[in-house]
Amino acid sequence: MTSGVVFDNDGLLLDTEPCWTRAQTEVFRRRGRTFGLAEKHELVGTDPVTAGAVLERLLDAPGEGRALSHELYELALEEIGAGATPRPGAVELIRRLSNRVPLAVASNAPRRHLLAGLRRAGLDDVFGIKLGVDDVHAPKPAPDLYLEACRLLGAVPARSTALEDSPPGVAAARAAGLYVIGVPSVAGVTLNADVVASSLADDAVWETLAGRVMS
């Protein structure tokens, strides 16, 4: 049987990608640039340091990555605190799992962004283990967040399952040895997961988890 289930947050558990998109669009607007799907693909699932490097390149602003990242994350925090909602099927799936298997959430965003979103969506008491990128040494796609989540759950990674919506997240979970269910949140993103579903409400998600949790 599986030892634990670890959820990503942004775009997977919570519908925060629109919040991030509004913040990203504003950063670009302030510099007279247009933010589109190509730029979104480069930023989805990134951590603050990586996002800074991407923004620096996309905005032709050498040496300004740290400031650009800070600006983006402050804007995003406001948006998330005001507008984060659960993704389709998220609440129902958590309820079905909660008495069967230990649950964690592990985000590539800072802990305060994670907690703001969970509070806004009424899910802050659901997970015993809540990890942000600042809780580990290295962000996704490094395996640190998933290894730490499993350690705190007392779970064996090879017997656990991750749910992810971004390529860096899938890479992190696979590197940690977890089975991965991918649920893309941004159009055109391809996930190299063990199972790919259209949403958390997709029957394939529950059937896969149930097979692992109750086998």
N, C-alpha and C. Protein backbone atom coordinates (compact mmCIF):
# COMPACT_ATOMS: atom_id res chain seq x y z
N MET A 1 0.84 -1.20 0.00
CA MET A 1 0.00 0.00 0.00
C MET A 1 0.87 1.24 0.00
N THR A 2 0.29 2.39 -0.39
CA THR A 2 1.03 3.63 -0.37
C THR A 2 1.21 4.11 1.07
N SER A 3 2.29 4.78 1.34
CA SER A 3 2.54 5.27 2.69
C SER A 3 2.11 6.71 2.90
N GLY A 4 1.95 7.46 1.83
CA GLY A 4 1.57 8.86 1.96
C GLY A 4 1.19 9.44 0.62
N VAL A 5 0.40 10.52 0.65
CA VAL A 5 0.04 11.24 -0.56
C VAL A 5 0.44 12.69 -0.36
N VAL A 6 1.20 13.21 -1.32
CA VAL A 6 1.71 14.57 -1.23
C VAL A 6 1.17 15.39 -2.40
N PHE A 7 0.48 16.46 -2.07
CA PHE A 7 -0.09 17.36 -3.07
C PHE A 7 0.82 18.55 -3.31
N ASP A 8 0.99 18.93 -4.56
CA ASP A 8 1.48 20.26 -4.88
C ASP A 8 0.35 21.22 -4.53
N ASN A 9 0.64 22.53 -4.54
CA ASN A 9 -0.40 23.50 -4.19
C ASN A 9 -0.86 24.32 -5.38
N ASP A 10 -0.03 25.26 -5.83
CA ASP A 10 -0.43 26.19 -6.89
C ASP A 10 -0.77 25.46 -8.18
N GLY A 11 -2.01 25.63 -8.65
CA GLY A 11 -2.42 25.05 -9.91
C GLY A 11 -2.87 23.61 -9.81
N LEU A 12 -2.59 22.95 -8.70
CA LEU A 12 -2.98 21.56 -8.52
C LEU A 12 -4.07 21.46 -7.46
N LEU A 13 -3.74 21.85 -6.25
CA LEU A 13 -4.70 21.82 -5.15
C LEU A 13 -5.58 23.07 -5.16
N LEU A 14 -4.94 24.21 -5.34
CA LEU A 14 -5.66 25.49 -5.38
C LEU A 14 -5.58 26.12 -6.75
N ASP A 15 -6.63 26.81 -7.12
CA ASP A 15 -6.67 27.51 -8.41
C ASP A 15 -6.01 28.87 -8.25
N THR A 16 -4.70 28.85 -8.01
CA THR A 16 -3.95 30.09 -7.82
C THR A 16 -3.25 30.55 -9.10
N GLU A 17 -3.23 29.72 -10.15
CA GLU A 17 -2.55 30.16 -11.36
C GLU A 17 -3.14 31.46 -11.92
N PRO A 18 -4.47 31.66 -11.88
CA PRO A 18 -4.98 32.98 -12.29
C PRO A 18 -4.42 34.12 -11.42
N CYS A 19 -4.22 33.84 -10.13
CA CYS A 19 -3.63 34.85 -9.23
C CYS A 19 -2.21 35.17 -9.68
N TRP A 20 -1.43 34.11 -9.94
CA TRP A 20 -0.06 34.31 -10.41
C TRP A 20 -0.03 35.00 -11.77
N THR A 21 -0.96 34.63 -12.64
CA THR A 21 -0.99 35.24 -13.98
C THR A 21 -1.28 36.73 -13.88
N ARG A 22 -2.20 37.12 -13.01
CA ARG A 22 -2.49 38.55 -12.83
C ARG A 22 -1.26 39.28 -12.31
N ALA A 23 -0.54 38.67 -11.36
CA ALA A 23 0.67 39.29 -10.83
C ALA A 23 1.75 39.37 -11.90
N GLN A 24 1.93 38.30 -12.64
CA GLN A 24 2.94 38.28 -13.71
C GLN A 24 2.62 39.29 -14.80
N THR A 25 1.35 39.38 -15.16
CA THR A 25 0.91 40.34 -16.17
C THR A 25 1.21 41.77 -15.73
N GLU A 26 1.00 42.04 -14.44
CA GLU A 26 1.24 43.38 -13.93
C GLU A 26 2.73 43.72 -13.94
N VAL A 27 3.57 42.77 -13.60
CA VAL A 27 5.02 43.01 -13.66
C VAL A 27 5.43 43.37 -15.08
N PHE A 28 4.91 42.65 -16.04
CA PHE A 28 5.23 42.93 -17.45
C PHE A 28 4.63 44.27 -17.89
N ARG A 29 3.38 44.55 -17.48
CA ARG A 29 2.72 45.79 -17.87
C ARG A 29 3.50 47.01 -17.40
N ARG A 30 4.02 46.93 -16.19
CA ARG A 30 4.78 48.06 -15.63
C ARG A 30 6.02 48.37 -16.46
N ARG A 31 6.44 47.42 -17.25
CA ARG A 31 7.64 47.60 -18.08
C ARG A 31 7.32 47.66 -19.57
N GLY A 32 6.04 47.89 -19.85
CA GLY A 32 5.64 48.05 -21.24
C GLY A 32 5.68 46.79 -22.05
N ARG A 33 5.59 45.64 -21.39
CA ARG A 33 5.66 44.35 -22.07
C ARG A 33 4.33 43.62 -21.97
N THR A 34 4.11 42.68 -22.90
CA THR A 34 2.93 41.84 -22.90
C THR A 34 3.27 40.47 -22.34
N PHE A 35 2.42 39.98 -21.45
CA PHE A 35 2.61 38.65 -20.86
C PHE A 35 1.65 37.68 -21.52
N GLY A 36 2.18 36.59 -22.10
CA GLY A 36 1.35 35.62 -22.80
C GLY A 36 1.63 34.20 -22.39
N LEU A 37 1.09 33.25 -23.16
CA LEU A 37 1.20 31.84 -22.81
C LEU A 37 2.64 31.34 -22.85
N ALA A 38 3.44 31.85 -23.78
CA ALA A 38 4.84 31.41 -23.86
C ALA A 38 5.60 31.80 -22.59
N GLU A 39 5.35 33.02 -22.10
CA GLU A 39 5.99 33.47 -20.87
C GLU A 39 5.48 32.67 -19.67
N LYS A 40 4.17 32.36 -19.70
CA LYS A 40 3.58 31.57 -18.63
C LYS A 40 4.22 30.19 -18.54
N HIS A 41 4.46 29.58 -19.68
CA HIS A 41 5.09 28.26 -19.69
C HIS A 41 6.47 28.29 -19.03
N GLU A 42 7.19 29.39 -19.21
CA GLU A 42 8.53 29.48 -18.64
C GLU A 42 8.51 29.68 -17.13
N LEU A 43 7.42 30.20 -16.60
CA LEU A 43 7.36 30.52 -15.18
C LEU A 43 6.58 29.51 -14.34
N VAL A 44 5.74 28.69 -14.99
CA VAL A 44 4.89 27.79 -14.21
C VAL A 44 5.74 26.80 -13.42
N GLY A 45 5.44 26.71 -12.13
CA GLY A 45 6.13 25.75 -11.26
C GLY A 45 7.48 26.18 -10.75
N THR A 46 7.92 27.41 -11.09
CA THR A 46 9.25 27.84 -10.68
C THR A 46 9.27 28.30 -9.22
N ASP A 47 10.47 28.37 -8.66
CA ASP A 47 10.69 28.91 -7.32
C ASP A 47 11.12 30.37 -7.46
N PRO A 48 11.23 31.12 -6.35
CA PRO A 48 11.59 32.54 -6.45
C PRO A 48 12.90 32.83 -7.16
N VAL A 49 13.93 32.04 -6.91
CA VAL A 49 15.23 32.30 -7.54
C VAL A 49 15.16 32.04 -9.05
N THR A 50 14.59 30.91 -9.41
CA THR A 50 14.45 30.59 -10.84
C THR A 50 13.57 31.59 -11.54
N ALA A 51 12.46 31.98 -10.89
CA ALA A 51 11.56 32.98 -11.48
C ALA A 51 12.30 34.29 -11.73
N GLY A 52 13.17 34.68 -10.80
CA GLY A 52 13.94 35.91 -10.98
C GLY A 52 14.82 35.85 -12.21
N ALA A 53 15.47 34.71 -12.41
CA ALA A 53 16.34 34.55 -13.57
C ALA A 53 15.53 34.58 -14.86
N VAL A 54 14.37 33.94 -14.85
CA VAL A 54 13.51 33.93 -16.04
C VAL A 54 13.01 35.34 -16.34
N LEU A 55 12.55 36.05 -15.32
CA LEU A 55 12.05 37.42 -15.51
C LEU A 55 13.15 38.34 -16.03
N GLU A 56 14.34 38.20 -15.48
CA GLU A 56 15.48 39.00 -15.91
C GLU A 56 15.73 38.83 -17.40
N ARG A 57 15.63 37.60 -17.86
CA ARG A 57 15.86 37.32 -19.28
C ARG A 57 14.70 37.80 -20.14
N LEU A 58 13.48 37.48 -19.72
CA LEU A 58 12.32 37.84 -20.54
C LEU A 58 12.12 39.35 -20.64
N LEU A 59 12.51 40.06 -19.60
CA LEU A 59 12.30 41.51 -19.57
C LEU A 59 13.55 42.29 -19.94
N ASP A 60 14.58 41.58 -20.38
CA ASP A 60 15.84 42.24 -20.76
C ASP A 60 16.31 43.17 -19.65
N ALA A 61 16.37 42.61 -18.44
CA ALA A 61 16.73 43.42 -17.26
C ALA A 61 17.87 42.76 -16.50
N PRO A 62 19.08 42.71 -17.07
CA PRO A 62 20.20 42.05 -16.40
C PRO A 62 20.48 42.65 -15.03
N GLY A 63 20.70 41.76 -14.07
CA GLY A 63 21.01 42.20 -12.71
C GLY A 63 19.80 42.55 -11.87
N GLU A 64 18.59 42.47 -12.43
CA GLU A 64 17.39 42.87 -11.69
C GLU A 64 16.52 41.69 -11.27
N GLY A 65 17.03 40.48 -11.45
CA GLY A 65 16.23 39.29 -11.18
C GLY A 65 15.67 39.23 -9.77
N ARG A 66 16.51 39.52 -8.79
CA ARG A 66 16.05 39.44 -7.40
C ARG A 66 14.93 40.44 -7.12
N ALA A 67 15.08 41.67 -7.62
CA ALA A 67 14.07 42.70 -7.41
C ALA A 67 12.78 42.35 -8.15
N LEU A 68 12.91 41.82 -9.35
CA LEU A 68 11.74 41.44 -10.13
C LEU A 68 10.98 40.30 -9.45
N SER A 69 11.71 39.33 -8.94
CA SER A 69 11.09 38.22 -8.24
C SER A 69 10.36 38.71 -6.99
N HIS A 70 11.00 39.59 -6.23
CA HIS A 70 10.36 40.13 -5.02
C HIS A 70 9.07 40.87 -5.38
N GLU A 71 9.12 41.67 -6.42
CA GLU A 71 7.94 42.40 -6.87
C GLU A 71 6.81 41.44 -7.25
N LEU A 72 7.16 40.43 -8.02
CA LEU A 72 6.17 39.44 -8.45
C LEU A 72 5.55 38.73 -7.26
N TYR A 73 6.37 38.28 -6.33
CA TYR A 73 5.84 37.49 -5.21
C TYR A 73 5.01 38.33 -4.25
N GLU A 74 5.32 39.61 -4.12
CA GLU A 74 4.49 40.47 -3.29
C GLU A 74 3.12 40.67 -3.94
N LEU A 75 3.10 40.90 -5.24
CA LEU A 75 1.84 41.03 -5.96
C LEU A 75 1.02 39.74 -5.89
N ALA A 76 1.70 38.62 -6.06
CA ALA A 76 1.02 37.32 -6.02
C ALA A 76 0.43 37.04 -4.65
N LEU A 77 1.14 37.41 -3.59
CA LEU A 77 0.63 37.18 -2.24
C LEU A 77 -0.69 37.91 -2.03
N GLU A 78 -0.79 39.12 -2.52
CA GLU A 78 -2.05 39.88 -2.42
C GLU A 78 -3.16 39.18 -3.19
N GLU A 79 -2.83 38.74 -4.40
CA GLU A 79 -3.83 38.08 -5.24
C GLU A 79 -4.30 36.76 -4.62
N ILE A 80 -3.36 35.98 -4.11
CA ILE A 80 -3.70 34.69 -3.52
C ILE A 80 -4.55 34.86 -2.27
N GLY A 81 -4.17 35.81 -1.42
CA GLY A 81 -4.92 36.05 -0.19
C GLY A 81 -6.35 36.49 -0.45
N ALA A 82 -6.58 37.08 -1.62
CA ALA A 82 -7.91 37.59 -1.95
C ALA A 82 -8.72 36.66 -2.86
N GLY A 83 -8.01 35.78 -3.60
CA GLY A 83 -8.75 35.06 -4.64
C GLY A 83 -8.50 33.59 -4.82
N ALA A 84 -7.69 32.95 -3.97
CA ALA A 84 -7.41 31.52 -4.16
C ALA A 84 -8.64 30.67 -3.84
N THR A 85 -8.93 29.70 -4.69
CA THR A 85 -10.04 28.77 -4.47
C THR A 85 -9.57 27.35 -4.78
N PRO A 86 -10.23 26.34 -4.23
CA PRO A 86 -9.84 24.96 -4.54
C PRO A 86 -10.06 24.62 -6.01
N ARG A 87 -9.18 23.80 -6.57
CA ARG A 87 -9.36 23.33 -7.93
C ARG A 87 -10.51 22.31 -7.97
N PRO A 88 -11.14 22.12 -9.13
CA PRO A 88 -12.23 21.14 -9.23
C PRO A 88 -11.82 19.76 -8.72
N GLY A 89 -12.63 19.23 -7.83
CA GLY A 89 -12.39 17.90 -7.29
C GLY A 89 -11.45 17.84 -6.11
N ALA A 90 -10.78 18.96 -5.76
CA ALA A 90 -9.76 18.93 -4.71
C ALA A 90 -10.35 18.60 -3.34
N VAL A 91 -11.39 19.31 -2.94
CA VAL A 91 -11.97 19.11 -1.61
C VAL A 91 -12.53 17.70 -1.49
N GLU A 92 -13.23 17.25 -2.51
CA GLU A 92 -13.82 15.92 -2.48
C GLU A 92 -12.75 14.83 -2.40
N LEU A 93 -11.67 15.00 -3.16
CA LEU A 93 -10.60 14.00 -3.14
C LEU A 93 -9.93 13.95 -1.78
N ILE A 94 -9.67 15.10 -1.19
CA ILE A 94 -9.05 15.15 0.13
C ILE A 94 -9.93 14.46 1.17
N ARG A 95 -11.23 14.70 1.10
CA ARG A 95 -12.15 14.06 2.04
C ARG A 95 -12.10 12.55 1.92
N ARG A 96 -12.01 12.05 0.69
CA ARG A 96 -12.00 10.60 0.48
C ARG A 96 -10.69 9.96 0.96
N LEU A 97 -9.63 10.77 0.94
CA LEU A 97 -8.32 10.24 1.33
C LEU A 97 -8.01 10.41 2.81
N SER A 98 -8.63 11.40 3.45
CA SER A 98 -8.17 11.86 4.76
C SER A 98 -8.13 10.78 5.84
N ASN A 99 -9.02 9.84 5.81
CA ASN A 99 -9.03 8.80 6.83
C ASN A 99 -8.34 7.52 6.38
N ARG A 100 -7.73 7.57 5.20
CA ARG A 100 -7.10 6.38 4.65
C ARG A 100 -5.58 6.45 4.61
N VAL A 101 -5.03 7.66 4.50
CA VAL A 101 -3.59 7.79 4.27
C VAL A 101 -3.12 9.15 4.77
N PRO A 102 -1.89 9.25 5.30
CA PRO A 102 -1.35 10.55 5.71
C PRO A 102 -1.20 11.47 4.50
N LEU A 103 -1.54 12.76 4.69
CA LEU A 103 -1.51 13.73 3.60
C LEU A 103 -0.56 14.88 3.91
N ALA A 104 0.11 15.35 2.86
CA ALA A 104 0.98 16.53 2.97
C ALA A 104 0.78 17.40 1.75
N VAL A 105 1.17 18.67 1.89
CA VAL A 105 1.21 19.57 0.75
C VAL A 105 2.61 20.16 0.70
N ALA A 106 3.19 20.19 -0.51
CA ALA A 106 4.58 20.64 -0.67
C ALA A 106 4.64 21.59 -1.87
N SER A 107 4.96 22.86 -1.59
CA SER A 107 4.87 23.90 -2.62
C SER A 107 6.23 24.50 -2.95
N ASN A 108 6.42 24.85 -4.22
CA ASN A 108 7.62 25.55 -4.65
C ASN A 108 7.52 27.05 -4.38
N ALA A 109 6.39 27.50 -3.87
CA ALA A 109 6.21 28.89 -3.46
C ALA A 109 6.63 29.04 -2.00
N PRO A 110 6.93 30.27 -1.57
CA PRO A 110 7.26 30.48 -0.16
C PRO A 110 6.13 30.04 0.77
N ARG A 111 6.49 29.70 1.98
CA ARG A 111 5.53 29.20 2.95
C ARG A 111 4.37 30.18 3.18
N ARG A 112 4.65 31.47 3.19
CA ARG A 112 3.57 32.43 3.47
C ARG A 112 2.55 32.47 2.33
N HIS A 113 3.00 32.22 1.09
CA HIS A 113 2.07 32.14 -0.03
C HIS A 113 1.21 30.88 0.09
N LEU A 114 1.85 29.77 0.44
CA LEU A 114 1.14 28.51 0.63
C LEU A 114 0.06 28.65 1.70
N LEU A 115 0.42 29.18 2.85
CA LEU A 115 -0.52 29.30 3.97
C LEU A 115 -1.63 30.29 3.66
N ALA A 116 -1.31 31.37 2.95
CA ALA A 116 -2.34 32.35 2.59
C ALA A 116 -3.39 31.71 1.70
N GLY A 117 -2.95 30.90 0.75
CA GLY A 117 -3.89 30.24 -0.15
C GLY A 117 -4.74 29.21 0.57
N LEU A 118 -4.11 28.40 1.42
CA LEU A 118 -4.85 27.38 2.16
C LEU A 118 -5.88 28.02 3.09
N ARG A 119 -5.50 29.12 3.74
CA ARG A 119 -6.46 29.83 4.60
C ARG A 119 -7.62 30.36 3.79
N ARG A 120 -7.31 30.98 2.66
CA ARG A 120 -8.35 31.57 1.81
C ARG A 120 -9.33 30.51 1.34
N ALA A 121 -8.83 29.30 1.07
CA ALA A 121 -9.68 28.22 0.55
C ALA A 121 -10.30 27.37 1.66
N GLY A 122 -9.98 27.68 2.92
CA GLY A 122 -10.53 26.91 4.03
C GLY A 122 -9.92 25.54 4.19
N LEU A 123 -8.67 25.38 3.73
CA LEU A 123 -8.00 24.09 3.79
C LEU A 123 -6.77 24.09 4.69
N ASP A 124 -6.61 25.10 5.52
CA ASP A 124 -5.39 25.21 6.32
C ASP A 124 -5.31 24.17 7.41
N ASP A 125 -6.43 23.55 7.80
CA ASP A 125 -6.40 22.53 8.86
C ASP A 125 -6.42 21.11 8.31
N VAL A 126 -6.41 20.97 7.00
CA VAL A 126 -6.56 19.64 6.38
C VAL A 126 -5.26 18.84 6.43
N PHE A 127 -4.13 19.52 6.24
CA PHE A 127 -2.85 18.85 6.12
C PHE A 127 -2.02 19.00 7.38
N GLY A 128 -1.56 17.88 7.91
CA GLY A 128 -0.66 17.95 9.06
C GLY A 128 0.71 18.46 8.67
N ILE A 129 1.12 18.19 7.44
CA ILE A 129 2.42 18.61 6.95
C ILE A 129 2.22 19.61 5.82
N LYS A 130 2.75 20.82 6.00
CA LYS A 130 2.64 21.88 4.99
C LYS A 130 4.03 22.47 4.78
N LEU A 131 4.59 22.27 3.59
CA LEU A 131 5.95 22.70 3.30
C LEU A 131 5.99 23.72 2.16
N GLY A 132 6.70 24.82 2.40
CA GLY A 132 6.99 25.78 1.34
C GLY A 132 8.44 25.64 0.93
N VAL A 133 8.80 26.35 -0.15
CA VAL A 133 10.16 26.22 -0.68
C VAL A 133 11.22 26.65 0.32
N ASP A 134 10.85 27.57 1.23
CA ASP A 134 11.81 28.03 2.23
C ASP A 134 12.01 27.05 3.38
N ASP A 135 11.31 25.92 3.34
CA ASP A 135 11.48 24.89 4.37
C ASP A 135 12.53 23.85 4.01
N VAL A 136 13.09 23.95 2.79
CA VAL A 136 14.08 22.97 2.34
C VAL A 136 15.27 23.67 1.72
N HIS A 137 16.31 22.89 1.45
CA HIS A 137 17.54 23.47 0.90
C HIS A 137 17.40 23.84 -0.57
N ALA A 138 16.77 22.97 -1.35
CA ALA A 138 16.70 23.20 -2.80
C ALA A 138 15.26 23.05 -3.29
N PRO A 139 14.82 23.90 -4.23
CA PRO A 139 13.45 23.85 -4.75
C PRO A 139 13.27 22.75 -5.78
N LYS A 140 12.02 22.49 -6.13
CA LYS A 140 11.75 21.63 -7.28
C LYS A 140 12.41 22.27 -8.51
N PRO A 141 13.04 21.50 -9.39
CA PRO A 141 12.92 20.05 -9.60
C PRO A 141 13.82 19.17 -8.73
N ALA A 142 14.56 19.74 -7.77
CA ALA A 142 15.28 18.91 -6.82
C ALA A 142 14.26 18.14 -5.98
N PRO A 143 14.62 17.00 -5.44
CA PRO A 143 13.65 16.15 -4.72
C PRO A 143 13.39 16.56 -3.28
N ASP A 144 14.06 17.61 -2.79
CA ASP A 144 14.04 17.95 -1.37
C ASP A 144 12.65 18.06 -0.76
N LEU A 145 11.74 18.78 -1.42
CA LEU A 145 10.41 18.98 -0.84
C LEU A 145 9.67 17.65 -0.66
N TYR A 146 9.79 16.77 -1.63
CA TYR A 146 9.10 15.49 -1.52
C TYR A 146 9.77 14.56 -0.52
N LEU A 147 11.07 14.58 -0.47
CA LEU A 147 11.77 13.75 0.52
C LEU A 147 11.45 14.22 1.94
N GLU A 148 11.41 15.54 2.13
CA GLU A 148 11.10 16.07 3.46
C GLU A 148 9.65 15.79 3.84
N ALA A 149 8.73 15.92 2.89
CA ALA A 149 7.33 15.62 3.17
C ALA A 149 7.17 14.17 3.60
N CYS A 150 7.80 13.27 2.88
CA CYS A 150 7.72 11.85 3.23
C CYS A 150 8.36 11.58 4.58
N ARG A 151 9.49 12.23 4.85
CA ARG A 151 10.16 12.04 6.14
C ARG A 151 9.24 12.46 7.29
N LEU A 152 8.60 13.62 7.14
CA LEU A 152 7.73 14.11 8.20
C LEU A 152 6.45 13.30 8.34
N LEU A 153 6.01 12.70 7.24
CA LEU A 153 4.84 11.82 7.29
C LEU A 153 5.18 10.44 7.84
N GLY A 154 6.48 10.14 7.90
CA GLY A 154 6.90 8.79 8.26
C GLY A 154 6.62 7.82 7.13
N ALA A 155 6.68 8.35 5.90
CA ALA A 155 6.32 7.56 4.71
C ALA A 155 7.54 7.15 3.92
N VAL A 156 7.43 6.02 3.24
CA VAL A 156 8.48 5.55 2.34
C VAL A 156 8.20 6.15 0.96
N PRO A 157 9.12 6.95 0.39
CA PRO A 157 8.85 7.58 -0.91
C PRO A 157 8.40 6.61 -1.99
N ALA A 158 9.05 5.47 -2.09
CA ALA A 158 8.72 4.51 -3.15
C ALA A 158 7.32 3.94 -3.00
N ARG A 159 6.73 4.09 -1.83
CA ARG A 159 5.37 3.59 -1.60
C ARG A 159 4.37 4.73 -1.49
N SER A 160 4.80 5.93 -1.89
CA SER A 160 3.95 7.11 -1.78
C SER A 160 3.62 7.69 -3.15
N THR A 161 2.65 8.61 -3.17
CA THR A 161 2.15 9.17 -4.42
C THR A 161 2.16 10.69 -4.35
N ALA A 162 2.60 11.30 -5.44
CA ALA A 162 2.59 12.77 -5.57
C ALA A 162 1.56 13.16 -6.62
N LEU A 163 0.95 14.32 -6.41
CA LEU A 163 0.07 14.91 -7.41
C LEU A 163 0.63 16.26 -7.80
N GLU A 164 0.87 16.46 -9.10
CA GLU A 164 1.57 17.64 -9.58
C GLU A 164 0.96 18.20 -10.86
N ASP A 165 1.18 19.51 -11.10
CA ASP A 165 0.65 20.13 -12.31
C ASP A 165 1.73 20.74 -13.20
N SER A 166 3.00 20.70 -12.78
CA SER A 166 4.05 21.36 -13.55
C SER A 166 5.23 20.42 -13.81
N PRO A 167 5.99 20.67 -14.87
CA PRO A 167 7.18 19.84 -15.14
C PRO A 167 8.20 19.84 -14.01
N PRO A 168 8.53 21.01 -13.38
CA PRO A 168 9.48 20.95 -12.26
C PRO A 168 8.97 20.10 -11.11
N GLY A 169 7.66 20.17 -10.85
CA GLY A 169 7.09 19.39 -9.76
C GLY A 169 7.13 17.90 -10.04
N VAL A 170 6.77 17.52 -11.26
CA VAL A 170 6.83 16.11 -11.64
C VAL A 170 8.26 15.59 -11.55
N ALA A 171 9.21 16.38 -12.03
CA ALA A 171 10.62 15.98 -11.98
C ALA A 171 11.08 15.79 -10.54
N ALA A 172 10.64 16.68 -9.64
CA ALA A 172 11.02 16.58 -8.22
C ALA A 172 10.48 15.32 -7.59
N ALA A 173 9.20 15.04 -7.84
CA ALA A 173 8.58 13.86 -7.25
C ALA A 173 9.21 12.58 -7.78
N ARG A 174 9.48 12.54 -9.08
CA ARG A 174 10.11 11.35 -9.66
C ARG A 174 11.52 11.16 -9.11
N ALA A 175 12.25 12.27 -8.94
CA ALA A 175 13.61 12.18 -8.40
C ALA A 175 13.60 11.66 -6.96
N ALA A 176 12.51 11.96 -6.23
CA ALA A 176 12.39 11.48 -4.85
C ALA A 176 11.91 10.04 -4.78
N GLY A 177 11.47 9.50 -5.92
CA GLY A 177 11.06 8.11 -5.96
C GLY A 177 9.57 7.87 -5.80
N LEU A 178 8.76 8.93 -5.84
CA LEU A 178 7.32 8.77 -5.68
C LEU A 178 6.65 8.41 -7.01
N TYR A 179 5.52 7.76 -6.92
CA TYR A 179 4.63 7.56 -8.07
C TYR A 179 3.96 8.90 -8.31
N VAL A 180 3.79 9.30 -9.58
CA VAL A 180 3.32 10.66 -9.86
C VAL A 180 2.06 10.66 -10.71
N ILE A 181 1.05 11.38 -10.22
CA ILE A 181 -0.16 11.67 -10.99
C ILE A 181 -0.06 13.12 -11.45
N GLY A 182 -0.12 13.34 -12.74
CA GLY A 182 -0.01 14.68 -13.29
C GLY A 182 -1.37 15.22 -13.71
N VAL A 183 -1.62 16.48 -13.32
CA VAL A 183 -2.86 17.17 -13.69
C VAL A 183 -2.49 18.56 -14.19
N PRO A 184 -2.24 18.73 -15.49
CA PRO A 184 -1.77 20.03 -16.01
C PRO A 184 -2.76 21.14 -15.71
N SER A 185 -2.24 22.30 -15.33
CA SER A 185 -3.09 23.46 -15.05
C SER A 185 -2.96 24.55 -16.10
N VAL A 186 -1.93 24.45 -16.95
CA VAL A 186 -1.69 25.45 -17.98
C VAL A 186 -1.75 24.77 -19.34
N ALA A 187 -2.50 25.33 -20.26
CA ALA A 187 -2.67 24.74 -21.58
C ALA A 187 -1.32 24.56 -22.28
N GLY A 188 -1.14 23.40 -22.87
CA GLY A 188 0.07 23.13 -23.64
C GLY A 188 1.21 22.55 -22.85
N VAL A 189 1.07 22.44 -21.54
CA VAL A 189 2.13 21.86 -20.71
C VAL A 189 2.04 20.34 -20.75
N THR A 190 3.16 19.69 -21.02
CA THR A 190 3.23 18.23 -21.06
C THR A 190 3.91 17.72 -19.80
N LEU A 191 3.31 16.73 -19.17
CA LEU A 191 3.84 16.19 -17.92
C LEU A 191 4.29 14.75 -18.10
N ASN A 192 5.52 14.46 -17.69
CA ASN A 192 6.07 13.11 -17.77
C ASN A 192 5.75 12.35 -16.49
N ALA A 193 4.44 12.19 -16.23
CA ALA A 193 3.98 11.53 -15.01
C ALA A 193 3.58 10.09 -15.30
N ASP A 194 3.37 9.32 -14.24
CA ASP A 194 2.96 7.92 -14.41
C ASP A 194 1.52 7.84 -14.93
N VAL A 195 0.69 8.77 -14.46
CA VAL A 195 -0.70 8.89 -14.92
C VAL A 195 -0.96 10.37 -15.12
N VAL A 196 -1.64 10.72 -16.21
CA VAL A 196 -2.01 12.12 -16.46
C VAL A 196 -3.53 12.20 -16.57
N ALA A 197 -4.12 13.13 -15.81
CA ALA A 197 -5.58 13.29 -15.78
C ALA A 197 -5.93 14.74 -16.10
N SER A 198 -7.17 14.95 -16.45
CA SER A 198 -7.62 16.29 -16.83
C SER A 198 -7.89 17.19 -15.63
N SER A 199 -8.25 16.60 -14.49
CA SER A 199 -8.49 17.35 -13.26
C SER A 199 -8.49 16.38 -12.09
N LEU A 200 -8.52 16.93 -10.88
CA LEU A 200 -8.57 16.07 -9.70
C LEU A 200 -9.90 15.34 -9.59
N ALA A 201 -10.90 15.82 -10.33
CA ALA A 201 -12.20 15.17 -10.35
C ALA A 201 -12.26 14.01 -11.35
N ASP A 202 -11.22 13.87 -12.15
CA ASP A 202 -11.15 12.78 -13.13
C ASP A 202 -11.17 11.43 -12.41
N ASP A 203 -11.99 10.51 -12.88
CA ASP A 203 -12.08 9.19 -12.24
C ASP A 203 -10.73 8.49 -12.16
N ALA A 204 -9.85 8.78 -13.12
CA ALA A 204 -8.54 8.12 -13.14
C ALA A 204 -7.71 8.47 -11.90
N VAL A 205 -7.91 9.68 -11.36
CA VAL A 205 -7.15 10.09 -10.17
C VAL A 205 -7.55 9.23 -8.98
N TRP A 206 -8.85 9.16 -8.69
CA TRP A 206 -9.30 8.38 -7.55
C TRP A 206 -9.02 6.89 -7.74
N GLU A 207 -9.25 6.39 -8.94
CA GLU A 207 -9.01 4.97 -9.19
C GLU A 207 -7.54 4.60 -8.98
N THR A 208 -6.64 5.50 -9.41
CA THR A 208 -5.21 5.25 -9.21
C THR A 208 -4.85 5.29 -7.73
N LEU A 209 -5.33 6.32 -7.05
CA LEU A 209 -5.03 6.45 -5.62
C LEU A 209 -5.66 5.33 -4.81
N ALA A 210 -6.90 5.01 -5.11
CA ALA A 210 -7.57 3.95 -4.38
C ALA A 210 -6.85 2.62 -4.55
N GLY A 211 -6.37 2.37 -5.75
CA GLY A 211 -5.63 1.14 -6.01
C GLY A 211 -4.36 1.07 -5.21
N ARG A 212 -3.72 2.23 -4.99
CA ARG A 212 -2.46 2.26 -4.24
C ARG A 212 -2.71 2.34 -2.73
N VAL A 213 -3.70 3.15 -2.33
CA VAL A 213 -3.96 3.32 -0.91
C VAL A 213 -4.55 2.04 -0.28
N MET A 214 -5.41 1.40 -1.02
CA MET A 214 -6.15 0.27 -0.43
C MET A 214 -5.68 -1.09 -0.92
N SER A 215 -4.57 -1.10 -1.69
CA SER A 215 -4.08 -2.41 -2.17
C SER A 215 -3.21 -3.09 -1.12
